[in-house]
């Protein structure tokens, strides 16, 4: 289904990064890049939770 405003539909994979702080940044990368986000977060030593999927990495 196309967007009537002409925008390309993009599947997003919302996630929350646990950065050991008082805040947890929420991000919305393209779904195709969710694994890349998980790998980068793990490399930095931070877990990421992909919202709505039950996926959580450490």
PDB file of N, CA and C in Angstrom:
ATOM      1  N   UNK A   1       0.840  -1.171   0.000  1.00  0.00           N
ATOM      2  CA  UNK A   1       0.000   0.000   0.000  1.00  0.00           C
ATOM      3  C   UNK A   1       0.891   1.243   0.000  1.00  0.00           C
ATOM      4  N   UNK A   2       0.632   2.134  -0.901  1.00  0.00           N
ATOM      5  CA  UNK A   2       1.466   3.332  -0.966  1.00  0.00           C
ATOM      6  C   UNK A   2       0.870   4.448  -0.115  1.00  0.00           C
ATOM      7  N   UNK A   3       1.742   5.330   0.310  1.00  0.00           N
ATOM      8  CA  UNK A   3       1.346   6.482   1.120  1.00  0.00           C
ATOM      9  C   UNK A   3       0.736   7.537   0.201  1.00  0.00           C
ATOM     10  N   UNK A   4      -0.451   8.040   0.512  1.00  0.00           N
ATOM     11  CA  UNK A   4      -1.082   9.034  -0.360  1.00  0.00           C
ATOM     12  C   UNK A   4      -0.293  10.336  -0.463  1.00  0.00           C
ATOM     13  N   UNK A   5       0.607  10.573   0.475  1.00  0.00           N
ATOM     14  CA  UNK A   5       1.424  11.789   0.430  1.00  0.00           C
ATOM     15  C   UNK A   5       2.667  11.598  -0.423  1.00  0.00           C
ATOM     16  N   UNK A   6       2.858  10.404  -0.959  1.00  0.00           N
ATOM     17  CA  UNK A   6       3.988  10.145  -1.827  1.00  0.00           C
ATOM     18  C   UNK A   6       5.235   9.642  -1.121  1.00  0.00           C
ATOM     19  N   UNK A   7       5.189   9.479   0.176  1.00  0.00           N
ATOM     20  CA  UNK A   7       6.356   8.994   0.916  1.00  0.00           C
ATOM     21  C   UNK A   7       6.498   7.491   0.718  1.00  0.00           C
ATOM     22  N   UNK A   8       7.728   7.029   0.649  1.00  0.00           N
ATOM     23  CA  UNK A   8       7.974   5.595   0.541  1.00  0.00           C
ATOM     24  C   UNK A   8       7.727   4.933   1.888  1.00  0.00           C
ATOM     25  N   UNK A   9       6.966   3.843   1.916  1.00  0.00           N
ATOM     26  CA  UNK A   9       6.771   3.143   3.188  1.00  0.00           C
ATOM     27  C   UNK A   9       8.080   2.484   3.623  1.00  0.00           C
ATOM     28  N   UNK A  10       8.426   2.635   4.881  1.00  0.00           N
ATOM     29  CA  UNK A  10       9.656   2.068   5.420  1.00  0.00           C
ATOM     30  C   UNK A  10       9.302   1.286   6.672  1.00  0.00           C
ATOM     31  N   UNK A  11       9.735   0.032   6.718  1.00  0.00           N
ATOM     32  CA  UNK A  11       9.513  -0.768   7.926  1.00  0.00           C
ATOM     33  C   UNK A  11      10.560  -0.375   8.946  1.00  0.00           C
ATOM     34  N   UNK A  12      10.113  -0.048  10.140  1.00  0.00           N
ATOM     35  CA  UNK A  12      11.010   0.355  11.223  1.00  0.00           C
ATOM     36  C   UNK A  12      11.042  -0.730  12.295  1.00  0.00           C
ATOM     37  N   UNK A  13      12.133  -0.756  13.028  1.00  0.00           N
ATOM     38  CA  UNK A  13      12.319  -1.714  14.110  1.00  0.00           C
ATOM     39  C   UNK A  13      12.653  -0.935  15.380  1.00  0.00           C
ATOM     40  N   UNK A  14      11.641  -0.383  16.056  1.00  0.00           N
ATOM     41  CA  UNK A  14      11.933   0.404  17.260  1.00  0.00           C
ATOM     42  C   UNK A  14      12.666  -0.420  18.308  1.00  0.00           C
ATOM     43  N   UNK A  15      13.599   0.241  18.975  1.00  0.00           N
ATOM     44  CA  UNK A  15      14.418  -0.438  19.981  1.00  0.00           C
ATOM     45  C   UNK A  15      14.797   0.557  21.070  1.00  0.00           C
ATOM     46  N   UNK A  16      15.168   0.018  22.225  1.00  0.00           N
ATOM     47  CA  UNK A  16      15.632   0.827  23.349  1.00  0.00           C
ATOM     48  C   UNK A  16      17.024   0.345  23.717  1.00  0.00           C
ATOM     49  N   UNK A  17      17.949   1.300  23.856  1.00  0.00           N
ATOM     50  CA  UNK A  17      19.323   0.983  24.256  1.00  0.00           C
ATOM     51  C   UNK A  17      19.472   1.220  25.754  1.00  0.00           C
ATOM     52  N   UNK A  18      20.026   0.256  26.462  1.00  0.00           N
ATOM     53  CA  UNK A  18      20.273   0.406  27.895  1.00  0.00           C
ATOM     54  C   UNK A  18      21.722   0.844  28.064  1.00  0.00           C
ATOM     55  N   UNK A  19      21.933   2.150  28.276  1.00  0.00           N
ATOM     56  CA  UNK A  19      23.289   2.699  28.318  1.00  0.00           C
ATOM     57  C   UNK A  19      23.763   2.976  29.740  1.00  0.00           C
ATOM     58  N   UNK A  20      23.191   2.260  30.718  1.00  0.00           N
ATOM     59  CA  UNK A  20      23.587   2.426  32.121  1.00  0.00           C
ATOM     60  C   UNK A  20      23.506   3.891  32.560  1.00  0.00           C
ATOM     61  N   UNK A  21      22.407   4.522  32.250  1.00  0.00           N
ATOM     62  CA  UNK A  21      22.204   5.928  32.566  1.00  0.00           C
ATOM     63  C   UNK A  21      20.784   6.109  33.093  1.00  0.00           C
ATOM     64  N   UNK A  22      20.438   7.341  33.434  1.00  0.00           N
ATOM     65  CA  UNK A  22      19.081   7.638  33.875  1.00  0.00           C
ATOM     66  C   UNK A  22      18.092   7.639  32.716  1.00  0.00           C
ATOM     67  N   UNK A  23      18.611   7.571  31.514  1.00  0.00           N
ATOM     68  CA  UNK A  23      17.736   7.539  30.344  1.00  0.00           C
ATOM     69  C   UNK A  23      18.095   6.339  29.482  1.00  0.00           C
ATOM     70  N   UNK A  24      17.159   5.909  28.692  1.00  0.00           N
ATOM     71  CA  UNK A  24      17.376   4.828  27.733  1.00  0.00           C
ATOM     72  C   UNK A  24      16.939   5.346  26.375  1.00  0.00           C
ATOM     73  N   UNK A  25      17.893   5.654  25.489  1.00  0.00           N
ATOM     74  CA  UNK A  25      17.520   6.184  24.184  1.00  0.00           C
ATOM     75  C   UNK A  25      16.652   5.213  23.389  1.00  0.00           C
ATOM     76  N   UNK A  26      15.601   5.730  22.800  1.00  0.00           N
ATOM     77  CA  UNK A  26      14.761   4.959  21.887  1.00  0.00           C
ATOM     78  C   UNK A  26      15.174   5.318  20.468  1.00  0.00           C
ATOM     79  N   UNK A  27      15.326   4.296  19.642  1.00  0.00           N
ATOM     80  CA  UNK A  27      15.748   4.509  18.265  1.00  0.00           C
ATOM     81  C   UNK A  27      14.782   3.789  17.328  1.00  0.00           C
ATOM     82  N   UNK A  28      14.777   4.185  16.086  1.00  0.00           N
ATOM     83  CA  UNK A  28      13.882   3.572  15.101  1.00  0.00           C
ATOM     84  C   UNK A  28      14.577   3.297  13.783  1.00  0.00           C
ATOM     85  N   UNK A  29      15.565   2.397  13.788  1.00  0.00           N
ATOM     86  CA  UNK A  29      16.270   2.111  12.537  1.00  0.00           C
ATOM     87  C   UNK A  29      15.374   1.332  11.573  1.00  0.00           C
ATOM     88  N   UNK A  30      15.773   1.318  10.319  1.00  0.00           N
ATOM     89  CA  UNK A  30      15.069   0.480   9.347  1.00  0.00           C
ATOM     90  C   UNK A  30      15.158  -0.968   9.820  1.00  0.00           C
ATOM     91  N   UNK A  31      14.101  -1.722   9.615  1.00  0.00           N
ATOM     92  CA  UNK A  31      14.059  -3.117  10.056  1.00  0.00           C
ATOM     93  C   UNK A  31      15.227  -3.918   9.482  1.00  0.00           C
ATOM     94  N   UNK A  32      15.624  -3.602   8.269  1.00  0.00           N
ATOM     95  CA  UNK A  32      16.726  -4.320   7.631  1.00  0.00           C
ATOM     96  C   UNK A  32      18.053  -4.095   8.350  1.00  0.00           C
ATOM     97  N   UNK A  33      18.138  -3.071   9.200  1.00  0.00           N
ATOM     98  CA  UNK A  33      19.394  -2.768   9.900  1.00  0.00           C
ATOM     99  C   UNK A  33      19.325  -3.091  11.391  1.00  0.00           C
ATOM    100  N   UNK A  34      18.278  -3.764  11.846  1.00  0.00           N
ATOM    101  CA  UNK A  34      18.130  -4.085  13.268  1.00  0.00           C
ATOM    102  C   UNK A  34      19.278  -4.943  13.783  1.00  0.00           C
ATOM    103  N   UNK A  35      19.717  -5.903  12.986  1.00  0.00           N
ATOM    104  CA  UNK A  35      20.838  -6.755  13.422  1.00  0.00           C
ATOM    105  C   UNK A  35      22.124  -5.952  13.536  1.00  0.00           C
ATOM    106  N   UNK A  36      22.302  -4.967  12.661  1.00  0.00           N
ATOM    107  CA  UNK A  36      23.479  -4.104  12.731  1.00  0.00           C
ATOM    108  C   UNK A  36      23.468  -3.297  14.032  1.00  0.00           C
ATOM    109  N   UNK A  37      22.302  -2.781  14.416  1.00  0.00           N
ATOM    110  CA  UNK A  37      22.177  -2.048  15.671  1.00  0.00           C
ATOM    111  C   UNK A  37      22.537  -2.948  16.846  1.00  0.00           C
ATOM    112  N   UNK A  38      22.037  -4.169  16.839  1.00  0.00           N
ATOM    113  CA  UNK A  38      22.323  -5.116  17.916  1.00  0.00           C
ATOM    114  C   UNK A  38      23.820  -5.388  18.018  1.00  0.00           C
ATOM    115  N   UNK A  39      24.468  -5.592  16.875  1.00  0.00           N
ATOM    116  CA  UNK A  39      25.911  -5.870  16.871  1.00  0.00           C
ATOM    117  C   UNK A  39      26.712  -4.673  17.379  1.00  0.00           C
ATOM    118  N   UNK A  40      26.349  -3.478  16.948  1.00  0.00           N
ATOM    119  CA  UNK A  40      27.073  -2.283  17.390  1.00  0.00           C
ATOM    120  C   UNK A  40      26.890  -2.044  18.887  1.00  0.00           C
ATOM    121  N   UNK A  41      25.668  -2.246  19.382  1.00  0.00           N
ATOM    122  CA  UNK A  41      25.409  -2.071  20.814  1.00  0.00           C
ATOM    123  C   UNK A  41      26.215  -3.087  21.622  1.00  0.00           C
ATOM    124  N   UNK A  42      26.237  -4.329  21.163  1.00  0.00           N
ATOM    125  CA  UNK A  42      26.999  -5.368  21.864  1.00  0.00           C
ATOM    126  C   UNK A  42      28.488  -5.040  21.864  1.00  0.00           C
ATOM    127  N   UNK A  43      28.968  -4.541  20.750  1.00  0.00           N
ATOM    128  CA  UNK A  43      30.382  -4.166  20.651  1.00  0.00           C
ATOM    129  C   UNK A  43      30.731  -3.062  21.649  1.00  0.00           C
ATOM    130  N   UNK A  44      29.772  -2.171  21.902  1.00  0.00           N
ATOM    131  CA  UNK A  44      29.978  -1.082  22.862  1.00  0.00           C
ATOM    132  C   UNK A  44      29.700  -1.529  24.293  1.00  0.00           C
ATOM    133  N   UNK A  45      29.170  -2.754  24.460  1.00  0.00           N
ATOM    134  CA  UNK A  45      28.909  -3.285  25.789  1.00  0.00           C
ATOM    135  C   UNK A  45      27.548  -2.944  26.356  1.00  0.00           C
ATOM    136  N   UNK A  46      26.603  -2.557  25.488  1.00  0.00           N
ATOM    137  CA  UNK A  46      25.269  -2.182  25.947  1.00  0.00           C
ATOM    138  C   UNK A  46      24.214  -3.105  25.350  1.00  0.00           C
ATOM    139  N   UNK A  47      23.251  -3.518  26.185  1.00  0.00           N
ATOM    140  CA  UNK A  47      22.159  -4.331  25.653  1.00  0.00           C
ATOM    141  C   UNK A  47      21.151  -3.462  24.888  1.00  0.00           C
ATOM    142  N   UNK A  48      20.449  -4.098  23.984  1.00  0.00           N
ATOM    143  CA  UNK A  48      19.402  -3.424  23.216  1.00  0.00           C
ATOM    144  C   UNK A  48      18.156  -4.306  23.251  1.00  0.00           C
ATOM    145  N   UNK A  49      17.002  -3.693  23.384  1.00  0.00           N
ATOM    146  CA  UNK A  49      15.738  -4.425  23.345  1.00  0.00           C
ATOM    147  C   UNK A  49      14.936  -3.938  22.159  1.00  0.00           C
ATOM    148  N   UNK A  50      14.621  -4.873  21.257  1.00  0.00           N
ATOM    149  CA  UNK A  50      13.800  -4.548  20.092  1.00  0.00           C
ATOM    150  C   UNK A  50      12.337  -4.621  20.515  1.00  0.00           C
ATOM    151  N   UNK A  51      11.661  -3.499  20.498  1.00  0.00           N
ATOM    152  CA  UNK A  51      10.293  -3.407  20.993  1.00  0.00           C
ATOM    153  C   UNK A  51       9.326  -4.204  20.123  1.00  0.00           C
ATOM    154  N   UNK A  52       8.421  -4.898  20.781  1.00  0.00           N
ATOM    155  CA  UNK A  52       7.393  -5.648  20.073  1.00  0.00           C
ATOM    156  C   UNK A  52       7.850  -6.993  19.551  1.00  0.00           C
ATOM    157  N   UNK A  53       9.098  -7.373  19.820  1.00  0.00           N
ATOM    158  CA  UNK A  53       9.585  -8.654  19.313  1.00  0.00           C
ATOM    159  C   UNK A  53       9.990  -9.609  20.414  1.00  0.00           C
ATOM    160  N   UNK A  54      10.194  -9.086  21.613  1.00  0.00           N
ATOM    161  CA  UNK A  54      10.682  -9.917  22.705  1.00  0.00           C
ATOM    162  C   UNK A  54      12.180 -10.177  22.615  1.00  0.00           C
ATOM    163  N   UNK A  55      12.849  -9.597  21.588  1.00  0.00           N
ATOM    164  CA  UNK A  55      14.302  -9.781  21.429  1.00  0.00           C
ATOM    165  C   UNK A  55      15.049  -8.827  22.338  1.00  0.00           C
ATOM    166  N   UNK A  56      15.976  -9.391  23.098  1.00  0.00           N
ATOM    167  CA  UNK A  56      16.838  -8.564  23.958  1.00  0.00           C
ATOM    168  C   UNK A  56      18.233  -9.142  23.883  1.00  0.00           C
ATOM    169  N   UNK A  57      19.209  -8.301  23.682  1.00  0.00           N
ATOM    170  CA  UNK A  57      20.594  -8.765  23.629  1.00  0.00           C
ATOM    171  C   UNK A  57      21.362  -8.235  24.826  1.00  0.00           C
ATOM    172  N   UNK A  58      22.423  -8.890  25.163  1.00  0.00           N
ATOM    173  CA  UNK A  58      23.313  -8.446  26.245  1.00  0.00           C
ATOM    174  C   UNK A  58      24.717  -8.345  25.723  1.00  0.00           C
TER     175      UNK A  58
END
